[in-house]
Amino acid sequence: MPARQPETIVLIPARRLQLAGLRSRSIGLYALVLWGLAFVLAVRPTVTRFLIPILVVAYVAPFVVAPERLSRIVRRGGSGDPPPPPMKNVTPPDPPGGDG
């Protein structure tokens, strides 16, 4: 059985982000940062106290957050989406002549 490559492990949550509808550039940046942090952890094991919590949160977050919410959070930053339609008034009108 072949050993898992680090790239494959990084791409598992990246696939989840792709299914959530994120842009390819955002997913690539996420995978690159996650891989870079893991690489730094492998090269300099003295920073484990600082990097392991960040790596765990960054790896698990795409699985915990719902895809709709994740795409809403990422797209919040001023996208060109049209504003939502105005709310429809469904309250019945008051009867003429007062309360009754």
PDB file of N, CA and C in Angstrom:
ATOM      1  N   MET A   1       0.845  -1.169   0.000  1.00  0.00           N
ATOM      2  CA  MET A   1       0.000   0.000   0.000  1.00  0.00           C
ATOM      3  C   MET A   1       0.896   1.240   0.000  1.00  0.00           C
ATOM      4  N   PRO A   2       0.733   2.141  -0.977  1.00  0.00           N
ATOM      5  CA  PRO A   2       1.602   3.321  -1.038  1.00  0.00           C
ATOM      6  C   PRO A   2       1.260   4.305   0.077  1.00  0.00           C
ATOM      7  N   ALA A   3       2.296   5.014   0.516  1.00  0.00           N
ATOM      8  CA  ALA A   3       2.091   6.021   1.558  1.00  0.00           C
ATOM      9  C   ALA A   3       1.391   7.234   0.957  1.00  0.00           C
ATOM     10  N   ARG A   4       0.585   7.897   1.768  1.00  0.00           N
ATOM     11  CA  ARG A   4      -0.109   9.100   1.298  1.00  0.00           C
ATOM     12  C   ARG A   4       0.881  10.233   1.119  1.00  0.00           C
ATOM     13  N   GLN A   5       0.716  10.944   0.049  1.00  0.00           N
ATOM     14  CA  GLN A   5       1.536  12.119  -0.214  1.00  0.00           C
ATOM     15  C   GLN A   5       0.934  13.311   0.524  1.00  0.00           C
ATOM     16  N   PRO A   6       1.753  14.245   0.996  1.00  0.00           N
ATOM     17  CA  PRO A   6       1.216  15.421   1.690  1.00  0.00           C
ATOM     18  C   PRO A   6       0.254  16.228   0.819  1.00  0.00           C
ATOM     19  N   GLU A   7       0.503  16.270  -0.475  1.00  0.00           N
ATOM     20  CA  GLU A   7      -0.380  17.023  -1.360  1.00  0.00           C
ATOM     21  C   GLU A   7      -1.784  16.444  -1.351  1.00  0.00           C
ATOM     22  N   THR A   8      -1.892  15.129  -1.308  1.00  0.00           N
ATOM     23  CA  THR A   8      -3.195  14.477  -1.306  1.00  0.00           C
ATOM     24  C   THR A   8      -3.956  14.832  -0.044  1.00  0.00           C
ATOM     25  N   ILE A   9      -3.282  14.868   1.073  1.00  0.00           N
ATOM     26  CA  ILE A   9      -3.942  15.186   2.333  1.00  0.00           C
ATOM     27  C   ILE A   9      -4.424  16.634   2.333  1.00  0.00           C
ATOM     28  N   VAL A  10      -3.696  17.525   1.732  1.00  0.00           N
ATOM     29  CA  VAL A  10      -4.105  18.926   1.656  1.00  0.00           C
ATOM     30  C   VAL A  10      -5.285  19.089   0.707  1.00  0.00           C
ATOM     31  N   LEU A  11      -5.348  18.274  -0.331  1.00  0.00           N
ATOM     32  CA  LEU A  11      -6.402  18.423  -1.328  1.00  0.00           C
ATOM     33  C   LEU A  11      -7.754  17.891  -0.887  1.00  0.00           C
ATOM     34  N   ILE A  12      -7.808  17.129   0.183  1.00  0.00           N
ATOM     35  CA  ILE A  12      -9.103  16.621   0.667  1.00  0.00           C
ATOM     36  C   ILE A  12     -10.003  17.769   1.123  1.00  0.00           C
ATOM     37  N   PRO A  13      -9.554  18.670   2.027  1.00  0.00           N
ATOM     38  CA  PRO A  13     -10.443  19.798   2.359  1.00  0.00           C
ATOM     39  C   PRO A  13     -10.585  20.785   1.202  1.00  0.00           C
ATOM     40  N   ALA A  14      -9.614  20.833   0.307  1.00  0.00           N
ATOM     41  CA  ALA A  14      -9.732  21.720  -0.851  1.00  0.00           C
ATOM     42  C   ALA A  14     -10.889  21.273  -1.743  1.00  0.00           C
ATOM     43  N   ARG A  15     -11.100  19.992  -1.852  1.00  0.00           N
ATOM     44  CA  ARG A  15     -12.242  19.486  -2.631  1.00  0.00           C
ATOM     45  C   ARG A  15     -13.554  19.911  -1.996  1.00  0.00           C
ATOM     46  N   ARG A  16     -13.594  19.906  -0.686  1.00  0.00           N
ATOM     47  CA  ARG A  16     -14.791  20.343   0.034  1.00  0.00           C
ATOM     48  C   ARG A  16     -15.071  21.828  -0.262  1.00  0.00           C
ATOM     49  N   LEU A  17     -14.024  22.617  -0.313  1.00  0.00           N
ATOM     50  CA  LEU A  17     -14.187  24.032  -0.639  1.00  0.00           C
ATOM     51  C   LEU A  17     -14.670  24.212  -2.078  1.00  0.00           C
ATOM     52  N   GLN A  18     -14.213  23.345  -2.977  1.00  0.00           N
ATOM     53  CA  GLN A  18     -14.666  23.417  -4.364  1.00  0.00           C
ATOM     54  C   GLN A  18     -16.155  23.095  -4.444  1.00  0.00           C
ATOM     55  N   LEU A  19     -16.600  22.119  -3.690  1.00  0.00           N
ATOM     56  CA  LEU A  19     -18.020  21.774  -3.677  1.00  0.00           C
ATOM     57  C   LEU A  19     -18.869  22.889  -3.076  1.00  0.00           C
ATOM     58  N   ALA A  20     -18.263  23.713  -2.217  1.00  0.00           N
ATOM     59  CA  ALA A  20     -18.982  24.844  -1.630  1.00  0.00           C
ATOM     60  C   ALA A  20     -19.105  26.000  -2.616  1.00  0.00           C
ATOM     61  N   GLY A  21     -18.398  25.935  -3.746  1.00  0.00           N
ATOM     62  CA  GLY A  21     -18.533  26.956  -4.771  1.00  0.00           C
ATOM     63  C   GLY A  21     -17.521  28.077  -4.685  1.00  0.00           C
ATOM     64  N   LEU A  22     -16.412  27.860  -4.017  1.00  0.00           N
ATOM     65  CA  LEU A  22     -15.383  28.893  -3.939  1.00  0.00           C
ATOM     66  C   LEU A  22     -14.619  28.973  -5.247  1.00  0.00           C
ATOM     67  N   ARG A  23     -13.995  30.125  -5.479  1.00  0.00           N
ATOM     68  CA  ARG A  23     -13.211  30.317  -6.696  1.00  0.00           C
ATOM     69  C   ARG A  23     -11.948  29.475  -6.642  1.00  0.00           C
ATOM     70  N   SER A  24     -11.449  29.126  -7.798  1.00  0.00           N
ATOM     71  CA  SER A  24     -10.244  28.300  -7.896  1.00  0.00           C
ATOM     72  C   SER A  24      -9.038  28.988  -7.263  1.00  0.00           C
ATOM     73  N   ARG A  25      -8.949  30.283  -7.414  1.00  0.00           N
ATOM     74  CA  ARG A  25      -7.823  31.019  -6.842  1.00  0.00           C
ATOM     75  C   ARG A  25      -7.831  30.938  -5.317  1.00  0.00           C
ATOM     76  N   SER A  26      -8.999  31.046  -4.706  1.00  0.00           N
ATOM     77  CA  SER A  26      -9.107  30.963  -3.245  1.00  0.00           C
ATOM     78  C   SER A  26      -8.739  29.566  -2.754  1.00  0.00           C
ATOM     79  N   ILE A  27      -9.183  28.554  -3.480  1.00  0.00           N
ATOM     80  CA  ILE A  27      -8.876  27.182  -3.091  1.00  0.00           C
ATOM     81  C   ILE A  27      -7.381  26.916  -3.237  1.00  0.00           C
ATOM     82  N   GLY A  28      -6.789  27.398  -4.313  1.00  0.00           N
ATOM     83  CA  GLY A  28      -5.353  27.217  -4.502  1.00  0.00           C
ATOM     84  C   GLY A  28      -4.545  27.911  -3.424  1.00  0.00           C
ATOM     85  N   LEU A  29      -4.961  29.120  -3.057  1.00  0.00           N
ATOM     86  CA  LEU A  29      -4.275  29.847  -1.991  1.00  0.00           C
ATOM     87  C   LEU A  29      -4.408  29.110  -0.662  1.00  0.00           C
ATOM     88  N   TYR A  30      -5.599  28.584  -0.376  1.00  0.00           N
ATOM     89  CA  TYR A  30      -5.818  27.810   0.850  1.00  0.00           C
ATOM     90  C   TYR A  30      -4.893  26.589   0.886  1.00  0.00           C
ATOM     91  N   ALA A  31      -4.861  25.838  -0.206  1.00  0.00           N
ATOM     92  CA  ALA A  31      -4.031  24.627  -0.256  1.00  0.00           C
ATOM     93  C   ALA A  31      -2.549  24.975  -0.133  1.00  0.00           C
ATOM     94  N   LEU A  32      -2.128  26.056  -0.770  1.00  0.00           N
ATOM     95  CA  LEU A  32      -0.727  26.471  -0.699  1.00  0.00           C
ATOM     96  C   LEU A  32      -0.339  26.892   0.720  1.00  0.00           C
ATOM     97  N   VAL A  33      -1.188  27.643   1.393  1.00  0.00           N
ATOM     98  CA  VAL A  33      -0.900  28.073   2.763  1.00  0.00           C
ATOM     99  C   VAL A  33      -0.875  26.871   3.702  1.00  0.00           C
ATOM    100  N   LEU A  34      -1.842  25.975   3.554  1.00  0.00           N
ATOM    101  CA  LEU A  34      -1.885  24.786   4.410  1.00  0.00           C
ATOM    102  C   LEU A  34      -0.646  23.921   4.190  1.00  0.00           C
ATOM    103  N   TRP A  35      -0.267  23.729   2.935  1.00  0.00           N
ATOM    104  CA  TRP A  35       0.927  22.942   2.637  1.00  0.00           C
ATOM    105  C   TRP A  35       2.179  23.643   3.167  1.00  0.00           C
ATOM    106  N   GLY A  36       2.252  24.961   3.013  1.00  0.00           N
ATOM    107  CA  GLY A  36       3.408  25.716   3.496  1.00  0.00           C
ATOM    108  C   GLY A  36       3.560  25.634   5.012  1.00  0.00           C
ATOM    109  N   LEU A  37       2.436  25.739   5.734  1.00  0.00           N
ATOM    110  CA  LEU A  37       2.506  25.605   7.190  1.00  0.00           C
ATOM    111  C   LEU A  37       2.968  24.216   7.597  1.00  0.00           C
ATOM    112  N   ALA A  38       2.481  23.191   6.910  1.00  0.00           N
ATOM    113  CA  ALA A  38       2.910  21.824   7.218  1.00  0.00           C
ATOM    114  C   ALA A  38       4.398  21.644   6.892  1.00  0.00           C
ATOM    115  N   PHE A  39       4.855  22.264   5.831  1.00  0.00           N
ATOM    116  CA  PHE A  39       6.265  22.175   5.464  1.00  0.00           C
ATOM    117  C   PHE A  39       7.139  22.847   6.520  1.00  0.00           C
ATOM    118  N   VAL A  40       6.728  24.032   6.968  1.00  0.00           N
ATOM    119  CA  VAL A  40       7.482  24.729   8.019  1.00  0.00           C
ATOM    120  C   VAL A  40       7.504  23.889   9.293  1.00  0.00           C
ATOM    121  N   LEU A  41       6.406  23.243   9.591  1.00  0.00           N
ATOM    122  CA  LEU A  41       6.342  22.383  10.769  1.00  0.00           C
ATOM    123  C   LEU A  41       7.301  21.207  10.640  1.00  0.00           C
ATOM    124  N   ALA A  42       7.447  20.670   9.447  1.00  0.00           N
ATOM    125  CA  ALA A  42       8.357  19.547   9.240  1.00  0.00           C
ATOM    126  C   ALA A  42       9.814  19.982   9.302  1.00  0.00           C
ATOM    127  N   VAL A  43      10.107  21.190   8.816  1.00  0.00           N
ATOM    128  CA  VAL A  43      11.489  21.676   8.785  1.00  0.00           C
ATOM    129  C   VAL A  43      11.924  22.198  10.154  1.00  0.00           C
ATOM    130  N   ARG A  44      11.061  22.919  10.812  1.00  0.00           N
ATOM    131  CA  ARG A  44      11.372  23.511  12.118  1.00  0.00           C
ATOM    132  C   ARG A  44      10.415  22.969  13.179  1.00  0.00           C
ATOM    133  N   PRO A  45      10.702  21.833  13.754  1.00  0.00           N
ATOM    134  CA  PRO A  45       9.778  21.264  14.739  1.00  0.00           C
ATOM    135  C   PRO A  45       9.668  22.072  16.030  1.00  0.00           C
ATOM    136  N   THR A  46      10.479  23.097  16.206  1.00  0.00           N
ATOM    137  CA  THR A  46      10.403  23.895  17.433  1.00  0.00           C
ATOM    138  C   THR A  46       9.174  24.796  17.470  1.00  0.00           C
ATOM    139  N   VAL A  47       8.531  25.032  16.319  1.00  0.00           N
ATOM    140  CA  VAL A  47       7.350  25.895  16.278  1.00  0.00           C
ATOM    141  C   VAL A  47       6.050  25.096  16.381  1.00  0.00           C
ATOM    142  N   THR A  48       6.137  23.861  16.828  1.00  0.00           N
ATOM    143  CA  THR A  48       4.942  23.015  16.887  1.00  0.00           C
ATOM    144  C   THR A  48       3.872  23.574  17.807  1.00  0.00           C
ATOM    145  N   ARG A  49       4.275  24.162  18.905  1.00  0.00           N
ATOM    146  CA  ARG A  49       3.311  24.700  19.860  1.00  0.00           C
ATOM    147  C   ARG A  49       2.447  25.778  19.204  1.00  0.00           C
ATOM    148  N   PHE A  50       2.982  26.499  18.270  1.00  0.00           N
ATOM    149  CA  PHE A  50       2.270  27.576  17.590  1.00  0.00           C
ATOM    150  C   PHE A  50       1.517  27.085  16.343  1.00  0.00           C
ATOM    151  N   LEU A  51       2.143  26.203  15.569  1.00  0.00           N
ATOM    152  CA  LEU A  51       1.573  25.824  14.271  1.00  0.00           C
ATOM    153  C   LEU A  51       0.522  24.713  14.328  1.00  0.00           C
ATOM    154  N   ILE A  52       0.634  23.796  15.257  1.00  0.00           N
ATOM    155  CA  ILE A  52      -0.317  22.672  15.264  1.00  0.00           C
ATOM    156  C   ILE A  52      -1.761  23.134  15.455  1.00  0.00           C
ATOM    157  N   PRO A  53      -2.080  24.030  16.391  1.00  0.00           N
ATOM    158  CA  PRO A  53      -3.478  24.484  16.475  1.00  0.00           C
ATOM    159  C   PRO A  53      -3.970  25.168  15.200  1.00  0.00           C
ATOM    160  N   ILE A  54      -3.115  25.959  14.564  1.00  0.00           N
ATOM    161  CA  ILE A  54      -3.508  26.628  13.319  1.00  0.00           C
ATOM    162  C   ILE A  54      -3.768  25.602  12.223  1.00  0.00           C
ATOM    163  N   LEU A  55      -2.903  24.613  12.104  1.00  0.00           N
ATOM    164  CA  LEU A  55      -3.088  23.572  11.086  1.00  0.00           C
ATOM    165  C   LEU A  55      -4.360  22.769  11.328  1.00  0.00           C
ATOM    166  N   VAL A  56      -4.631  22.435  12.564  1.00  0.00           N
ATOM    167  CA  VAL A  56      -5.833  21.641  12.872  1.00  0.00           C
ATOM    168  C   VAL A  56      -7.088  22.432  12.519  1.00  0.00           C
ATOM    169  N   VAL A  57      -7.154  23.680  12.919  1.00  0.00           N
ATOM    170  CA  VAL A  57      -8.335  24.495  12.612  1.00  0.00           C
ATOM    171  C   VAL A  57      -8.474  24.704  11.109  1.00  0.00           C
ATOM    172  N   ALA A  58      -7.381  24.987  10.425  1.00  0.00           N
ATOM    173  CA  ALA A  58      -7.438  25.217   8.980  1.00  0.00           C
ATOM    174  C   ALA A  58      -7.830  23.953   8.221  1.00  0.00           C
ATOM    175  N   TYR A  59      -7.444  22.797   8.735  1.00  0.00           N
ATOM    176  CA  TYR A  59      -7.761  21.547   8.047  1.00  0.00           C
ATOM    177  C   TYR A  59      -9.204  21.124   8.305  1.00  0.00           C
ATOM    178  N   VAL A  60      -9.682  21.310   9.523  1.00  0.00           N
ATOM    179  CA  VAL A  60     -11.014  20.813   9.897  1.00  0.00           C
ATOM    180  C   VAL A  60     -12.124  21.781   9.509  1.00  0.00           C
ATOM    181  N   ALA A  61     -11.830  23.066   9.385  1.00  0.00           N
ATOM    182  CA  ALA A  61     -12.864  24.074   9.126  1.00  0.00           C
ATOM    183  C   ALA A  61     -13.738  23.777   7.905  1.00  0.00           C
ATOM    184  N   PRO A  62     -13.211  23.369   6.755  1.00  0.00           N
ATOM    185  CA  PRO A  62     -14.097  23.094   5.620  1.00  0.00           C
ATOM    186  C   PRO A  62     -15.070  21.941   5.859  1.00  0.00           C
ATOM    187  N   PHE A  63     -14.772  21.057   6.786  1.00  0.00           N
ATOM    188  CA  PHE A  63     -15.671  19.943   7.066  1.00  0.00           C
ATOM    189  C   PHE A  63     -16.735  20.317   8.083  1.00  0.00           C
ATOM    190  N   VAL A  64     -16.450  21.272   8.949  1.00  0.00           N
ATOM    191  CA  VAL A  64     -17.375  21.639  10.017  1.00  0.00           C
ATOM    192  C   VAL A  64     -18.390  22.663   9.555  1.00  0.00           C
ATOM    193  N   VAL A  65     -17.944  23.659   8.800  1.00  0.00           N
ATOM    194  CA  VAL A  65     -18.817  24.731   8.344  1.00  0.00           C
ATOM    195  C   VAL A  65     -19.616  24.237   7.145  1.00  0.00           C
ATOM    196  N   ALA A  66     -20.906  24.546   7.144  1.00  0.00           N
ATOM    197  CA  ALA A  66     -21.760  24.155   6.027  1.00  0.00           C
ATOM    198  C   ALA A  66     -21.314  24.885   4.756  1.00  0.00           C
ATOM    199  N   PRO A  67     -21.421  24.248   3.592  1.00  0.00           N
ATOM    200  CA  PRO A  67     -20.959  24.873   2.343  1.00  0.00           C
ATOM    201  C   PRO A  67     -21.647  26.208   2.043  1.00  0.00           C
ATOM    202  N   GLU A  68     -22.945  26.322   2.326  1.00  0.00           N
ATOM    203  CA  GLU A  68     -23.646  27.573   2.035  1.00  0.00           C
ATOM    204  C   GLU A  68     -23.099  28.703   2.901  1.00  0.00           C
ATOM    205  N   ARG A  69     -22.869  28.393   4.152  1.00  0.00           N
ATOM    206  CA  ARG A  69     -22.371  29.415   5.066  1.00  0.00           C
ATOM    207  C   ARG A  69     -20.942  29.824   4.704  1.00  0.00           C
ATOM    208  N   LEU A  70     -20.155  28.839   4.323  1.00  0.00           N
ATOM    209  CA  LEU A  70     -18.775  29.126   3.944  1.00  0.00           C
ATOM    210  C   LEU A  70     -18.721  30.032   2.722  1.00  0.00           C
ATOM    211  N   SER A  71     -19.532  29.756   1.720  1.00  0.00           N
ATOM    212  CA  SER A  71     -19.521  30.597   0.529  1.00  0.00           C
ATOM    213  C   SER A  71     -20.070  31.979   0.838  1.00  0.00           C
ATOM    214  N   ARG A  72     -21.023  32.094   1.770  1.00  0.00           N
ATOM    215  CA  ARG A  72     -21.531  33.395   2.185  1.00  0.00           C
ATOM    216  C   ARG A  72     -20.455  34.213   2.884  1.00  0.00           C
ATOM    217  N   ILE A  73     -19.670  33.562   3.745  1.00  0.00           N
ATOM    218  CA  ILE A  73     -18.611  34.249   4.483  1.00  0.00           C
ATOM    219  C   ILE A  73     -17.552  34.772   3.519  1.00  0.00           C
ATOM    220  N   VAL A  74     -17.174  33.948   2.567  1.00  0.00           N
ATOM    221  CA  VAL A  74     -16.118  34.341   1.633  1.00  0.00           C
ATOM    222  C   VAL A  74     -16.606  35.423   0.684  1.00  0.00           C
ATOM    223  N   ARG A  75     -17.826  35.348   0.236  1.00  0.00           N
ATOM    224  CA  ARG A  75     -18.349  36.317  -0.738  1.00  0.00           C
ATOM    225  C   ARG A  75     -18.834  37.609  -0.106  1.00  0.00           C
ATOM    226  N   ARG A  76     -18.773  37.736   1.175  1.00  0.00           N
ATOM    227  CA  ARG A  76     -19.272  38.926   1.863  1.00  0.00           C
ATOM    228  C   ARG A  76     -18.527  40.184   1.451  1.00  0.00           C
ATOM    229  N   GLY A  77     -17.295  40.070   1.037  1.00  0.00           N
ATOM    230  CA  GLY A  77     -16.438  41.221   0.770  1.00  0.00           C
ATOM    231  C   GLY A  77     -16.751  41.976  -0.507  1.00  0.00           C
ATOM    232  N   GLY A  78     -17.926  42.551  -0.668  1.00  0.00           N
ATOM    233  CA  GLY A  78     -18.217  43.475  -1.753  1.00  0.00           C
ATOM    234  C   GLY A  78     -18.297  42.864  -3.132  1.00  0.00           C
ATOM    235  N   SER A  79     -18.989  41.769  -3.280  1.00  0.00           N
ATOM    236  CA  SER A  79     -19.141  41.202  -4.618  1.00  0.00           C
ATOM    237  C   SER A  79     -20.177  42.008  -5.391  1.00  0.00           C
ATOM    238  N   GLY A  80     -20.257  41.796  -6.689  1.00  0.00           N
ATOM    239  CA  GLY A  80     -21.159  42.552  -7.534  1.00  0.00           C
ATOM    240  C   GLY A  80     -22.563  41.976  -7.602  1.00  0.00           C
ATOM    241  N   ASP A  81     -22.999  41.276  -6.577  1.00  0.00           N
ATOM    242  CA  ASP A  81     -24.342  40.707  -6.579  1.00  0.00           C
ATOM    243  C   ASP A  81     -25.382  41.821  -6.496  1.00  0.00           C
ATOM    244  N   PRO A  82     -26.521  41.652  -7.193  1.00  0.00           N
ATOM    245  CA  PRO A  82     -27.571  42.671  -7.098  1.00  0.00           C
ATOM    246  C   PRO A  82     -28.206  42.633  -5.712  1.00  0.00           C
ATOM    247  N   PRO A  83     -28.760  43.762  -5.256  1.00  0.00           N
ATOM    248  CA  PRO A  83     -29.385  43.774  -3.936  1.00  0.00           C
ATOM    249  C   PRO A  83     -30.634  42.889  -3.935  1.00  0.00           C
ATOM    250  N   PRO A  84     -31.001  42.361  -2.775  1.00  0.00           N
ATOM    251  CA  PRO A  84     -32.190  41.516  -2.722  1.00  0.00           C
ATOM    252  C   PRO A  84     -33.445  42.342  -3.012  1.00  0.00           C
ATOM    253  N   PRO A  85     -34.497  41.711  -3.503  1.00  0.00           N
ATOM    254  CA  PRO A  85     -35.726  42.462  -3.790  1.00  0.00           C
ATOM    255  C   PRO A  85     -36.335  42.996  -2.499  1.00  0.00           C
ATOM    256  N   PRO A  86     -37.126  44.088  -2.591  1.00  0.00           N
ATOM    257  CA  PRO A  86     -37.730  44.627  -1.375  1.00  0.00           C
ATOM    258  C   PRO A  86     -38.724  43.641  -0.770  1.00  0.00           C
ATOM    259  N   MET A  87     -38.898  43.760   0.544  1.00  0.00           N
ATOM    260  CA  MET A  87     -39.792  42.865   1.249  1.00  0.00           C
ATOM    261  C   MET A  87     -41.243  43.147   0.861  1.00  0.00           C
ATOM    262  N   LYS A  88     -42.032  42.105   0.694  1.00  0.00           N
ATOM    263  CA  LYS A  88     -43.426  42.249   0.308  1.00  0.00           C
ATOM    264  C   LYS A  88     -44.277  42.433   1.559  1.00  0.00           C
ATOM    265  N   ASN A  89     -45.172  43.395   1.540  1.00  0.00           N
ATOM    266  CA  ASN A  89     -46.053  43.647   2.669  1.00  0.00           C
ATOM    267  C   ASN A  89     -47.237  42.693   2.585  1.00  0.00           C
ATOM    268  N   VAL A  90     -47.335  41.784   3.543  1.00  0.00           N
ATOM    269  CA  VAL A  90     -48.413  40.795   3.544  1.00  0.00           C
ATOM    270  C   VAL A  90     -49.393  41.036   4.678  1.00  0.00           C
ATOM    271  N   THR A  91     -49.268  42.157   5.389  1.00  0.00           N
ATOM    272  CA  THR A  91     -50.171  42.488   6.482  1.00  0.00           C
ATOM    273  C   THR A  91     -51.506  42.929   5.901  1.00  0.00           C
ATOM    274  N   PRO A  92     -52.613  42.334   6.389  1.00  0.00           N
ATOM    275  CA  PRO A  92     -53.915  42.765   5.851  1.00  0.00           C
ATOM    276  C   PRO A  92     -54.210  44.213   6.258  1.00  0.00           C
ATOM    277  N   PRO A  93     -54.897  44.945   5.388  1.00  0.00           N
ATOM    278  CA  PRO A  93     -55.211  46.344   5.721  1.00  0.00           C
ATOM    279  C   PRO A  93     -56.200  46.418   6.877  1.00  0.00           C
ATOM    280  N   ASP A  94     -56.147  47.545   7.604  1.00  0.00           N
ATOM    281  CA  ASP A  94     -57.089  47.772   8.711  1.00  0.00           C
ATOM    282  C   ASP A  94     -58.506  47.929   8.145  1.00  0.00           C
ATOM    283  N   PRO A  95     -59.493  47.394   8.856  1.00  0.00           N
ATOM    284  CA  PRO A  95     -60.878  47.566   8.371  1.00  0.00           C
ATOM    285  C   PRO A  95     -61.295  49.038   8.494  1.00  0.00           C
ATOM    286  N   PRO A  96     -62.111  49.525   7.555  1.00  0.00           N
ATOM    287  CA  PRO A  96     -62.546  50.914   7.660  1.00  0.00           C
ATOM    288  C   PRO A  96     -63.475  51.078   8.875  1.00  0.00           C
ATOM    289  N   GLY A  97     -63.286  52.119   9.608  1.00  0.00           N
ATOM    290  CA  GLY A  97     -64.171  52.403  10.737  1.00  0.00           C
ATOM    291  C   GLY A  97     -63.600  52.028  12.083  1.00  0.00           C
ATOM    292  N   GLY A  98     -62.375  51.624  12.172  1.00  0.00           N
ATOM    293  CA  GLY A  98     -61.783  51.390  13.492  1.00  0.00           C
ATOM    294  C   GLY A  98     -61.592  49.935  13.810  1.00  0.00           C
ATOM    295  N   ASP A  99     -61.594  49.619  15.143  1.00  0.00           N
ATOM    296  CA  ASP A  99     -61.272  48.268  15.606  1.00  0.00           C
ATOM    297  C   ASP A  99     -62.438  47.294  15.432  1.00  0.00           C
ATOM    298  N   GLY A 100     -63.603  47.730  15.347  1.00  0.00           N
ATOM    299  CA  GLY A 100     -64.599  46.740  15.098  1.00  0.00           C
ATOM    300  C   GLY A 100     -65.813  46.950  15.783  1.00  0.00           C
TER     301      GLY A 100
END
